[in-house]
Amino acid sequence: PPGHVYDSKDDSTTRYYHPTWWNGDMEGPNGTIPTTPSDLTLIRET
């Protein structure tokens, strides 16, 4: 899985990537739908 790391010490695979938009596909109170207006200059420069 992308954004994950495996560790043989405990045979675990955990997600390390936690961007602010990650839960945007979730239904209910844990889902996050952004309300930020588009900044065209920021989009272009980034």
ModelCIF file with pLDDT and N, C-alpha, C, O atoms, coordinates in Angstrom:
data_MODEL
#
_entry.id   MODEL 
#
_entity.id                         1 
_entity.type                       polymer 
_entity.pdbx_number_of_molecules   1 
#
_entity_poly.entity_id                      1 
_entity_poly.type                           'polypeptide(L)' 
_entity_poly.nstd_linkage                   no 
_entity_poly.nstd_monomer                   no 
_entity_poly.pdbx_seq_one_letter_code       PPGHVYDSKDDSTTRYYHPTWWNGDMEGPNGTIPTTPSDLTLIRET 
_entity_poly.pdbx_seq_one_letter_code_can   PPGHVYDSKDDSTTRYYHPTWWNGDMEGPNGTIPTTPSDLTLIRET 
_entity_poly.pdbx_strand_id                 A 
#
loop_
_entity_poly_seq.entity_id 
_entity_poly_seq.num 
_entity_poly_seq.mon_id 
_entity_poly_seq.hetero 
1 1  PRO n 
1 2  PRO n 
1 3  GLY n 
1 4  HIS n 
1 5  VAL n 
1 6  TYR n 
1 7  ASP n 
1 8  SER n 
1 9  LYS n 
1 10 ASP n 
1 11 ASP n 
1 12 SER n 
1 13 THR n 
1 14 THR n 
1 15 ARG n 
1 16 TYR n 
1 17 TYR n 
1 18 HIS n 
1 19 PRO n 
1 20 THR n 
1 21 TRP n 
1 22 TRP n 
1 23 ASN n 
1 24 GLY n 
1 25 ASP n 
1 26 MET n 
1 27 GLU n 
1 28 GLY n 
1 29 PRO n 
1 30 ASN n 
1 31 GLY n 
1 32 THR n 
1 33 ILE n 
1 34 PRO n 
1 35 THR n 
1 36 THR n 
1 37 PRO n 
1 38 SER n 
1 39 ASP n 
1 40 LEU n 
1 41 THR n 
1 42 LEU n 
1 43 ILE n 
1 44 ARG n 
1 45 GLU n 
1 46 THR n 
#
_struct_asym.id          A 
_struct_asym.entity_id   1 
#
loop_
_ma_qa_metric.id 
_ma_qa_metric.mode 
_ma_qa_metric.name 
_ma_qa_metric.software_group_id 
_ma_qa_metric.type 
1 global pLDDT . pLDDT 
2 local  pLDDT . pLDDT 
#
_ma_qa_metric_global.metric_id      1 
_ma_qa_metric_global.metric_value   94.85 
_ma_qa_metric_global.model_id       1 
_ma_qa_metric_global.ordinal_id     1 
#
loop_
_ma_qa_metric_local.label_asym_id 
_ma_qa_metric_local.label_comp_id 
_ma_qa_metric_local.label_seq_id 
_ma_qa_metric_local.metric_id 
_ma_qa_metric_local.metric_value 
_ma_qa_metric_local.model_id 
_ma_qa_metric_local.ordinal_id 
A PRO 1  2 97.00 1 1  
A PRO 2  2 98.00 1 2  
A GLY 3  2 98.00 1 3  
A HIS 4  2 98.00 1 4  
A VAL 5  2 98.00 1 5  
A TYR 6  2 98.00 1 6  
A ASP 7  2 98.00 1 7  
A SER 8  2 98.00 1 8  
A LYS 9  2 97.00 1 9  
A ASP 10 2 97.00 1 10 
A ASP 11 2 97.00 1 11 
A SER 12 2 98.00 1 12 
A THR 13 2 98.00 1 13 
A THR 14 2 98.00 1 14 
A ARG 15 2 98.00 1 15 
A TYR 16 2 98.00 1 16 
A TYR 17 2 98.00 1 17 
A HIS 18 2 97.00 1 18 
A PRO 19 2 97.00 1 19 
A THR 20 2 96.00 1 20 
A TRP 21 2 97.00 1 21 
A TRP 22 2 96.00 1 22 
A ASN 23 2 94.00 1 23 
A GLY 24 2 93.00 1 24 
A ASP 25 2 91.00 1 25 
A MET 26 2 88.00 1 26 
A GLU 27 2 83.00 1 27 
A GLY 28 2 77.00 1 28 
A PRO 29 2 76.00 1 29 
A ASN 30 2 79.00 1 30 
A GLY 31 2 85.00 1 31 
A THR 32 2 90.00 1 32 
A ILE 33 2 95.00 1 33 
A PRO 34 2 96.00 1 34 
A THR 35 2 96.00 1 35 
A THR 36 2 97.00 1 36 
A PRO 37 2 97.00 1 37 
A SER 38 2 97.00 1 38 
A ASP 39 2 98.00 1 39 
A LEU 40 2 98.00 1 40 
A THR 41 2 98.00 1 41 
A LEU 42 2 98.00 1 42 
A ILE 43 2 98.00 1 43 
A ARG 44 2 98.00 1 44 
A GLU 45 2 98.00 1 45 
A THR 46 2 98.00 1 46 
#
loop_
_atom_site.group_PDB 
_atom_site.id 
_atom_site.type_symbol 
_atom_site.label_atom_id 
_atom_site.label_alt_id 
_atom_site.label_comp_id 
_atom_site.label_asym_id 
_atom_site.label_entity_id 
_atom_site.label_seq_id 
_atom_site.pdbx_PDB_ins_code 
_atom_site.Cartn_x 
_atom_site.Cartn_y 
_atom_site.Cartn_z 
_atom_site.occupancy 
_atom_site.B_iso_or_equiv 
_atom_site.pdbx_formal_charge 
_atom_site.auth_seq_id 
_atom_site.auth_comp_id 
_atom_site.auth_asym_id 
_atom_site.auth_atom_id 
_atom_site.pdbx_PDB_model_num 
ATOM 1   N N  . PRO A 1 1  ? 0.808   -1.223 0.000   1.00 97.00 ? 1  PRO A N  1 
ATOM 2   C CA . PRO A 1 1  ? 0.000   0.000  0.000   1.00 97.00 ? 1  PRO A CA 1 
ATOM 3   C C  . PRO A 1 1  ? 0.846   1.281  0.000   1.00 97.00 ? 1  PRO A C  1 
ATOM 4   O O  . PRO A 1 1  ? 1.807   1.380  0.763   1.00 97.00 ? 1  PRO A O  1 
ATOM 5   N N  . PRO A 1 2  ? 0.505   2.251  -0.836  1.00 98.00 ? 2  PRO A N  1 
ATOM 6   C CA . PRO A 1 2  ? 1.229   3.528  -0.840  1.00 98.00 ? 2  PRO A CA 1 
ATOM 7   C C  . PRO A 1 2  ? 1.120   4.229  0.519   1.00 98.00 ? 2  PRO A C  1 
ATOM 8   O O  . PRO A 1 2  ? 0.153   4.042  1.257   1.00 98.00 ? 2  PRO A O  1 
ATOM 9   N N  . GLY A 1 3  ? 2.122   5.027  0.824   1.00 98.00 ? 3  GLY A N  1 
ATOM 10  C CA . GLY A 1 3  ? 2.088   5.802  2.057   1.00 98.00 ? 3  GLY A CA 1 
ATOM 11  C C  . GLY A 1 3  ? 2.207   4.975  3.313   1.00 98.00 ? 3  GLY A C  1 
ATOM 12  O O  . GLY A 1 3  ? 1.850   5.443  4.394   1.00 98.00 ? 3  GLY A O  1 
ATOM 13  N N  . HIS A 1 4  ? 2.706   3.739  3.198   1.00 98.00 ? 4  HIS A N  1 
ATOM 14  C CA . HIS A 1 4  ? 2.844   2.837  4.343   1.00 98.00 ? 4  HIS A CA 1 
ATOM 15  C C  . HIS A 1 4  ? 4.300   2.407  4.515   1.00 98.00 ? 4  HIS A C  1 
ATOM 16  O O  . HIS A 1 4  ? 5.111   2.520  3.596   1.00 98.00 ? 4  HIS A O  1 
ATOM 17  N N  . VAL A 1 5  ? 4.606   1.915  5.705   1.00 98.00 ? 5  VAL A N  1 
ATOM 18  C CA . VAL A 1 5  ? 5.932   1.392  6.012   1.00 98.00 ? 5  VAL A CA 1 
ATOM 19  C C  . VAL A 1 5  ? 5.777   0.061  6.753   1.00 98.00 ? 5  VAL A C  1 
ATOM 20  O O  . VAL A 1 5  ? 4.967   -0.068 7.671   1.00 98.00 ? 5  VAL A O  1 
ATOM 21  N N  . TYR A 1 6  ? 6.568   -0.913 6.333   1.00 98.00 ? 6  TYR A N  1 
ATOM 22  C CA . TYR A 1 6  ? 6.586   -2.234 6.982   1.00 98.00 ? 6  TYR A CA 1 
ATOM 23  C C  . TYR A 1 6  ? 7.784   -2.314 7.909   1.00 98.00 ? 6  TYR A C  1 
ATOM 24  O O  . TYR A 1 6  ? 8.850   -1.781 7.602   1.00 98.00 ? 6  TYR A O  1 
ATOM 25  N N  . ASP A 1 7  ? 7.609   -2.985 9.055   1.00 98.00 ? 7  ASP A N  1 
ATOM 26  C CA . ASP A 1 7  ? 8.685   -3.139 10.031  1.00 98.00 ? 7  ASP A CA 1 
ATOM 27  C C  . ASP A 1 7  ? 8.718   -4.597 10.491  1.00 98.00 ? 7  ASP A C  1 
ATOM 28  O O  . ASP A 1 7  ? 7.754   -5.095 11.072  1.00 98.00 ? 7  ASP A O  1 
ATOM 29  N N  . SER A 1 8  ? 9.839   -5.278 10.224  1.00 98.00 ? 8  SER A N  1 
ATOM 30  C CA . SER A 1 8  ? 9.951   -6.687 10.595  1.00 98.00 ? 8  SER A CA 1 
ATOM 31  C C  . SER A 1 8  ? 10.046  -6.874 12.108  1.00 98.00 ? 8  SER A C  1 
ATOM 32  O O  . SER A 1 8  ? 9.827   -7.976 12.612  1.00 98.00 ? 8  SER A O  1 
ATOM 33  N N  . LYS A 1 9  ? 10.369  -5.810 12.827  1.00 97.00 ? 9  LYS A N  1 
ATOM 34  C CA . LYS A 1 9  ? 10.513  -5.921 14.285  1.00 97.00 ? 9  LYS A CA 1 
ATOM 35  C C  . LYS A 1 9  ? 9.231   -6.428 14.935  1.00 97.00 ? 9  LYS A C  1 
ATOM 36  O O  . LYS A 1 9  ? 9.274   -7.228 15.870  1.00 97.00 ? 9  LYS A O  1 
ATOM 37  N N  . ASP A 1 10 ? 8.086   -5.956 14.432  1.00 97.00 ? 10 ASP A N  1 
ATOM 38  C CA . ASP A 1 10 ? 6.800   -6.431 14.956  1.00 97.00 ? 10 ASP A CA 1 
ATOM 39  C C  . ASP A 1 10 ? 5.878   -6.899 13.842  1.00 97.00 ? 10 ASP A C  1 
ATOM 40  O O  . ASP A 1 10 ? 4.680   -7.088 14.051  1.00 97.00 ? 10 ASP A O  1 
ATOM 41  N N  . ASP A 1 11 ? 6.450   -7.086 12.648  1.00 97.00 ? 11 ASP A N  1 
ATOM 42  C CA . ASP A 1 11 ? 5.687   -7.572 11.489  1.00 97.00 ? 11 ASP A CA 1 
ATOM 43  C C  . ASP A 1 11 ? 4.472   -6.685 11.204  1.00 97.00 ? 11 ASP A C  1 
ATOM 44  O O  . ASP A 1 11 ? 3.393   -7.176 10.872  1.00 97.00 ? 11 ASP A O  1 
ATOM 45  N N  . SER A 1 12 ? 4.667   -5.373 11.340  1.00 98.00 ? 12 SER A N  1 
ATOM 46  C CA . SER A 1 12 ? 3.554   -4.436 11.166  1.00 98.00 ? 12 SER A CA 1 
ATOM 47  C C  . SER A 1 12 ? 3.698   -3.640 9.871   1.00 98.00 ? 12 SER A C  1 
ATOM 48  O O  . SER A 1 12 ? 4.804   -3.400 9.387   1.00 98.00 ? 12 SER A O  1 
ATOM 49  N N  . THR A 1 13 ? 2.558   -3.240 9.327   1.00 98.00 ? 13 THR A N  1 
ATOM 50  C CA . THR A 1 13 ? 2.515   -2.320 8.200   1.00 98.00 ? 13 THR A CA 1 
ATOM 51  C C  . THR A 1 13 ? 1.594   -1.175 8.600   1.00 98.00 ? 13 THR A C  1 
ATOM 52  O O  . THR A 1 13 ? 0.400   -1.382 8.817   1.00 98.00 ? 13 THR A O  1 
ATOM 53  N N  . THR A 1 14 ? 2.147   0.035  8.698   1.00 98.00 ? 14 THR A N  1 
ATOM 54  C CA . THR A 1 14 ? 1.375   1.185  9.178   1.00 98.00 ? 14 THR A CA 1 
ATOM 55  C C  . THR A 1 14 ? 1.458   2.328  8.184   1.00 98.00 ? 14 THR A C  1 
ATOM 56  O O  . THR A 1 14 ? 2.434   2.477  7.449   1.00 98.00 ? 14 THR A O  1 
ATOM 57  N N  . ARG A 1 15 ? 0.392   3.140  8.186   1.00 98.00 ? 15 ARG A N  1 
ATOM 58  C CA . ARG A 1 15 ? 0.362   4.293  7.285   1.00 98.00 ? 15 ARG A CA 1 
ATOM 59  C C  . ARG A 1 15 ? 1.104   5.465  7.931   1.00 98.00 ? 15 ARG A C  1 
ATOM 60  O O  . ARG A 1 15 ? 0.820   5.843  9.068   1.00 98.00 ? 15 ARG A O  1 
ATOM 61  N N  . TYR A 1 16 ? 2.060   6.033  7.187   1.00 98.00 ? 16 TYR A N  1 
ATOM 62  C CA . TYR A 1 16 ? 2.789   7.200  7.683   1.00 98.00 ? 16 TYR A CA 1 
ATOM 63  C C  . TYR A 1 16 ? 2.291   8.495  7.056   1.00 98.00 ? 16 TYR A C  1 
ATOM 64  O O  . TYR A 1 16 ? 2.564   9.575  7.580   1.00 98.00 ? 16 TYR A O  1 
ATOM 65  N N  . TYR A 1 17 ? 1.576   8.408  5.959   1.00 98.00 ? 17 TYR A N  1 
ATOM 66  C CA . TYR A 1 17 ? 1.138   9.602  5.205   1.00 98.00 ? 17 TYR A CA 1 
ATOM 67  C C  . TYR A 1 17 ? -0.255  9.998  5.673   1.00 98.00 ? 17 TYR A C  1 
ATOM 68  O O  . TYR A 1 17 ? -1.213  9.245  5.500   1.00 98.00 ? 17 TYR A O  1 
ATOM 69  N N  . HIS A 1 18 ? -0.366  11.187 6.267   1.00 97.00 ? 18 HIS A N  1 
ATOM 70  C CA . HIS A 1 18 ? -1.643  11.659 6.816   1.00 97.00 ? 18 HIS A CA 1 
ATOM 71  C C  . HIS A 1 18 ? -1.918  13.089 6.349   1.00 97.00 ? 18 HIS A C  1 
ATOM 72  O O  . HIS A 1 18 ? -1.843  14.011 7.161   1.00 97.00 ? 18 HIS A O  1 
ATOM 73  N N  . PRO A 1 19 ? -2.230  13.304 5.077   1.00 97.00 ? 19 PRO A N  1 
ATOM 74  C CA . PRO A 1 19 ? -2.506  14.661 4.607   1.00 97.00 ? 19 PRO A CA 1 
ATOM 75  C C  . PRO A 1 19 ? -3.863  15.145 5.113   1.00 97.00 ? 19 PRO A C  1 
ATOM 76  O O  . PRO A 1 19 ? -4.694  14.344 5.540   1.00 97.00 ? 19 PRO A O  1 
ATOM 77  N N  . THR A 1 20 ? -4.078  16.437 5.063   1.00 96.00 ? 20 THR A N  1 
ATOM 78  C CA . THR A 1 20 ? -5.314  17.014 5.595   1.00 96.00 ? 20 THR A CA 1 
ATOM 79  C C  . THR A 1 20 ? -6.546  16.573 4.824   1.00 96.00 ? 20 THR A C  1 
ATOM 80  O O  . THR A 1 20 ? -7.647  16.581 5.375   1.00 96.00 ? 20 THR A O  1 
ATOM 81  N N  . TRP A 1 21 ? -6.392  16.189 3.567   1.00 97.00 ? 21 TRP A N  1 
ATOM 82  C CA . TRP A 1 21 ? -7.538  15.863 2.718   1.00 97.00 ? 21 TRP A CA 1 
ATOM 83  C C  . TRP A 1 21 ? -7.888  14.370 2.728   1.00 97.00 ? 21 TRP A C  1 
ATOM 84  O O  . TRP A 1 21 ? -8.827  13.962 2.045   1.00 97.00 ? 21 TRP A O  1 
ATOM 85  N N  . TRP A 1 22 ? -7.161  13.558 3.481   1.00 96.00 ? 22 TRP A N  1 
ATOM 86  C CA . TRP A 1 22 ? -7.241  12.108 3.351   1.00 96.00 ? 22 TRP A CA 1 
ATOM 87  C C  . TRP A 1 22 ? -8.645  11.539 3.611   1.00 96.00 ? 22 TRP A C  1 
ATOM 88  O O  . TRP A 1 22 ? -9.045  10.575 2.957   1.00 96.00 ? 22 TRP A O  1 
ATOM 89  N N  . ASN A 1 23 ? -9.386  12.115 4.542   1.00 94.00 ? 23 ASN A N  1 
ATOM 90  C CA . ASN A 1 23 ? -10.695 11.576 4.904   1.00 94.00 ? 23 ASN A CA 1 
ATOM 91  C C  . ASN A 1 23 ? -11.831 12.174 4.073   1.00 94.00 ? 23 ASN A C  1 
ATOM 92  O O  . ASN A 1 23 ? -13.002 12.024 4.421   1.00 94.00 ? 23 ASN A O  1 
ATOM 93  N N  . GLY A 1 24 ? -11.490 12.838 2.997   1.00 93.00 ? 24 GLY A N  1 
ATOM 94  C CA . GLY A 1 24 ? -12.521 13.508 2.201   1.00 93.00 ? 24 GLY A CA 1 
ATOM 95  C C  . GLY A 1 24 ? -13.489 12.584 1.503   1.00 93.00 ? 24 GLY A C  1 
ATOM 96  O O  . GLY A 1 24 ? -14.524 13.038 1.015   1.00 93.00 ? 24 GLY A O  1 
ATOM 97  N N  . ASP A 1 25 ? -13.183 11.291 1.439   1.00 91.00 ? 25 ASP A N  1 
ATOM 98  C CA . ASP A 1 25 ? -14.094 10.350 0.780   1.00 91.00 ? 25 ASP A CA 1 
ATOM 99  C C  . ASP A 1 25 ? -15.009 9.648  1.774   1.00 91.00 ? 25 ASP A C  1 
ATOM 100 O O  . ASP A 1 25 ? -15.822 8.810  1.385   1.00 91.00 ? 25 ASP A O  1 
ATOM 101 N N  . MET A 1 26 ? -14.885 9.981  3.040   1.00 88.00 ? 26 MET A N  1 
ATOM 102 C CA . MET A 1 26 ? -15.665 9.294  4.077   1.00 88.00 ? 26 MET A CA 1 
ATOM 103 C C  . MET A 1 26 ? -17.033 9.944  4.264   1.00 88.00 ? 26 MET A C  1 
ATOM 104 O O  . MET A 1 26 ? -17.178 11.163 4.172   1.00 88.00 ? 26 MET A O  1 
ATOM 105 N N  . GLU A 1 27 ? -18.028 9.107  4.527   1.00 83.00 ? 27 GLU A N  1 
ATOM 106 C CA . GLU A 1 27 ? -19.357 9.598  4.864   1.00 83.00 ? 27 GLU A CA 1 
ATOM 107 C C  . GLU A 1 27 ? -19.403 9.913  6.359   1.00 83.00 ? 27 GLU A C  1 
ATOM 108 O O  . GLU A 1 27 ? -18.627 9.355  7.136   1.00 83.00 ? 27 GLU A O  1 
ATOM 109 N N  . GLY A 1 28 ? -20.294 10.791 6.757   1.00 77.00 ? 28 GLY A N  1 
ATOM 110 C CA . GLY A 1 28 ? -20.503 11.040 8.176   1.00 77.00 ? 28 GLY A CA 1 
ATOM 111 C C  . GLY A 1 28 ? -19.592 12.102 8.765   1.00 77.00 ? 28 GLY A C  1 
ATOM 112 O O  . GLY A 1 28 ? -18.919 12.820 8.025   1.00 77.00 ? 28 GLY A O  1 
ATOM 113 N N  . PRO A 1 29 ? -19.561 12.211 10.078  1.00 76.00 ? 29 PRO A N  1 
ATOM 114 C CA . PRO A 1 29 ? -18.847 13.307 10.757  1.00 76.00 ? 29 PRO A CA 1 
ATOM 115 C C  . PRO A 1 29 ? -17.334 13.262 10.585  1.00 76.00 ? 29 PRO A C  1 
ATOM 116 O O  . PRO A 1 29 ? -16.673 14.290 10.731  1.00 76.00 ? 29 PRO A O  1 
ATOM 117 N N  . ASN A 1 30 ? -16.773 12.102 10.278  1.00 79.00 ? 30 ASN A N  1 
ATOM 118 C CA . ASN A 1 30 ? -15.324 12.017 10.118  1.00 79.00 ? 30 ASN A CA 1 
ATOM 119 C C  . ASN A 1 30 ? -14.849 12.450 8.738   1.00 79.00 ? 30 ASN A C  1 
ATOM 120 O O  . ASN A 1 30 ? -13.654 12.650 8.519   1.00 79.00 ? 30 ASN A O  1 
ATOM 121 N N  . GLY A 1 31 ? -15.781 12.590 7.818   1.00 85.00 ? 31 GLY A N  1 
ATOM 122 C CA . GLY A 1 31 ? -15.418 13.047 6.485   1.00 85.00 ? 31 GLY A CA 1 
ATOM 123 C C  . GLY A 1 31 ? -15.122 14.541 6.478   1.00 85.00 ? 31 GLY A C  1 
ATOM 124 O O  . GLY A 1 31 ? -15.746 15.307 7.213   1.00 85.00 ? 31 GLY A O  1 
ATOM 125 N N  . THR A 1 32 ? -14.173 14.948 5.651   1.00 90.00 ? 32 THR A N  1 
ATOM 126 C CA . THR A 1 32 ? -13.795 16.367 5.589   1.00 90.00 ? 32 THR A CA 1 
ATOM 127 C C  . THR A 1 32 ? -14.003 16.874 4.173   1.00 90.00 ? 32 THR A C  1 
ATOM 128 O O  . THR A 1 32 ? -13.379 16.379 3.234   1.00 90.00 ? 32 THR A O  1 
ATOM 129 N N  . ILE A 1 33 ? -14.867 17.846 4.020   1.00 95.00 ? 33 ILE A N  1 
ATOM 130 C CA . ILE A 1 33 ? -15.108 18.473 2.727   1.00 95.00 ? 33 ILE A CA 1 
ATOM 131 C C  . ILE A 1 33 ? -14.554 19.899 2.799   1.00 95.00 ? 33 ILE A C  1 
ATOM 132 O O  . ILE A 1 33 ? -15.014 20.687 3.625   1.00 95.00 ? 33 ILE A O  1 
ATOM 133 N N  . PRO A 1 34 ? -13.582 20.248 1.957   1.00 96.00 ? 34 PRO A N  1 
ATOM 134 C CA . PRO A 1 34 ? -12.941 21.554 2.074   1.00 96.00 ? 34 PRO A CA 1 
ATOM 135 C C  . PRO A 1 34 ? -13.864 22.713 1.687   1.00 96.00 ? 34 PRO A C  1 
ATOM 136 O O  . PRO A 1 34 ? -14.798 22.555 0.900   1.00 96.00 ? 34 PRO A O  1 
ATOM 137 N N  . THR A 1 35 ? -13.577 23.857 2.253   1.00 96.00 ? 35 THR A N  1 
ATOM 138 C CA . THR A 1 35 ? -14.347 25.072 1.947   1.00 96.00 ? 35 THR A CA 1 
ATOM 139 C C  . THR A 1 35 ? -13.421 26.221 1.538   1.00 96.00 ? 35 THR A C  1 
ATOM 140 O O  . THR A 1 35 ? -13.865 27.364 1.429   1.00 96.00 ? 35 THR A O  1 
ATOM 141 N N  . THR A 1 36 ? -12.137 25.923 1.310   1.00 97.00 ? 36 THR A N  1 
ATOM 142 C CA . THR A 1 36 ? -11.159 26.964 0.983   1.00 97.00 ? 36 THR A CA 1 
ATOM 143 C C  . THR A 1 36 ? -11.356 27.465 -0.448  1.00 97.00 ? 36 THR A C  1 
ATOM 144 O O  . THR A 1 36 ? -11.397 26.656 -1.375  1.00 97.00 ? 36 THR A O  1 
ATOM 145 N N  . PRO A 1 37 ? -11.480 28.783 -0.650  1.00 97.00 ? 37 PRO A N  1 
ATOM 146 C CA . PRO A 1 37 ? -11.566 29.308 -2.017  1.00 97.00 ? 37 PRO A CA 1 
ATOM 147 C C  . PRO A 1 37 ? -10.273 29.041 -2.778  1.00 97.00 ? 37 PRO A C  1 
ATOM 148 O O  . PRO A 1 37 ? -9.205  28.948 -2.174  1.00 97.00 ? 37 PRO A O  1 
ATOM 149 N N  . SER A 1 38 ? -10.364 28.919 -4.078  1.00 97.00 ? 38 SER A N  1 
ATOM 150 C CA . SER A 1 38 ? -9.166  28.657 -4.878  1.00 97.00 ? 38 SER A CA 1 
ATOM 151 C C  . SER A 1 38 ? -8.283  29.899 -4.926  1.00 97.00 ? 38 SER A C  1 
ATOM 152 O O  . SER A 1 38 ? -8.768  31.012 -5.131  1.00 97.00 ? 38 SER A O  1 
ATOM 153 N N  . ASP A 1 39 ? -6.995  29.698 -4.736  1.00 98.00 ? 39 ASP A N  1 
ATOM 154 C CA . ASP A 1 39 ? -5.985  30.753 -4.865  1.00 98.00 ? 39 ASP A CA 1 
ATOM 155 C C  . ASP A 1 39 ? -5.214  30.441 -6.147  1.00 98.00 ? 39 ASP A C  1 
ATOM 156 O O  . ASP A 1 39 ? -4.316  29.599 -6.147  1.00 98.00 ? 39 ASP A O  1 
ATOM 157 N N  . LEU A 1 40 ? -5.567  31.117 -7.230  1.00 98.00 ? 40 LEU A N  1 
ATOM 158 C CA . LEU A 1 40 ? -5.003  30.781 -8.536  1.00 98.00 ? 40 LEU A CA 1 
ATOM 159 C C  . LEU A 1 40 ? -3.495  30.993 -8.582  1.00 98.00 ? 40 LEU A C  1 
ATOM 160 O O  . LEU A 1 40 ? -2.779  30.224 -9.223  1.00 98.00 ? 40 LEU A O  1 
ATOM 161 N N  . THR A 1 41 ? -3.018  32.020 -7.915  1.00 98.00 ? 41 THR A N  1 
ATOM 162 C CA . THR A 1 41 ? -1.572  32.264 -7.882  1.00 98.00 ? 41 THR A CA 1 
ATOM 163 C C  . THR A 1 41 ? -0.859  31.137 -7.157  1.00 98.00 ? 41 THR A C  1 
ATOM 164 O O  . THR A 1 41 ? 0.188   30.672 -7.606  1.00 98.00 ? 41 THR A O  1 
ATOM 165 N N  . LEU A 1 42 ? -1.418  30.696 -6.042  1.00 98.00 ? 42 LEU A N  1 
ATOM 166 C CA . LEU A 1 42 ? -0.811  29.605 -5.277  1.00 98.00 ? 42 LEU A CA 1 
ATOM 167 C C  . LEU A 1 42 ? -0.824  28.305 -6.085  1.00 98.00 ? 42 LEU A C  1 
ATOM 168 O O  . LEU A 1 42 ? 0.155   27.559 -6.073  1.00 98.00 ? 42 LEU A O  1 
ATOM 169 N N  . ILE A 1 43 ? -1.911  28.037 -6.777  1.00 98.00 ? 43 ILE A N  1 
ATOM 170 C CA . ILE A 1 43 ? -1.992  26.845 -7.617  1.00 98.00 ? 43 ILE A CA 1 
ATOM 171 C C  . ILE A 1 43 ? -0.889  26.872 -8.670  1.00 98.00 ? 43 ILE A C  1 
ATOM 172 O O  . ILE A 1 43 ? -0.190  25.880 -8.880  1.00 98.00 ? 43 ILE A O  1 
ATOM 173 N N  . ARG A 1 44 ? -0.744  28.021 -9.330  1.00 98.00 ? 44 ARG A N  1 
ATOM 174 C CA . ARG A 1 44 ? 0.256   28.137 -10.394 1.00 98.00 ? 44 ARG A CA 1 
ATOM 175 C C  . ARG A 1 44 ? 1.672   27.999 -9.829  1.00 98.00 ? 44 ARG A C  1 
ATOM 176 O O  . ARG A 1 44 ? 2.480   27.245 -10.372 1.00 98.00 ? 44 ARG A O  1 
ATOM 177 N N  . GLU A 1 45 ? 1.974   28.704 -8.767  1.00 98.00 ? 45 GLU A N  1 
ATOM 178 C CA . GLU A 1 45 ? 3.339   28.694 -8.242  1.00 98.00 ? 45 GLU A CA 1 
ATOM 179 C C  . GLU A 1 45 ? 3.709   27.345 -7.630  1.00 98.00 ? 45 GLU A C  1 
ATOM 180 O O  . GLU A 1 45 ? 4.867   26.932 -7.700  1.00 98.00 ? 45 GLU A O  1 
ATOM 181 N N  . THR A 1 46 ? 2.741   26.655 -7.031  1.00 98.00 ? 46 THR A N  1 
ATOM 182 C CA . THR A 1 46 ? 3.035   25.349 -6.449  1.00 98.00 ? 46 THR A CA 1 
ATOM 183 C C  . THR A 1 46 ? 3.306   24.321 -7.530  1.00 98.00 ? 46 THR A C  1 
ATOM 184 O O  . THR A 1 46 ? 3.573   23.159 -7.224  1.00 98.00 ? 46 THR A O  1 
#
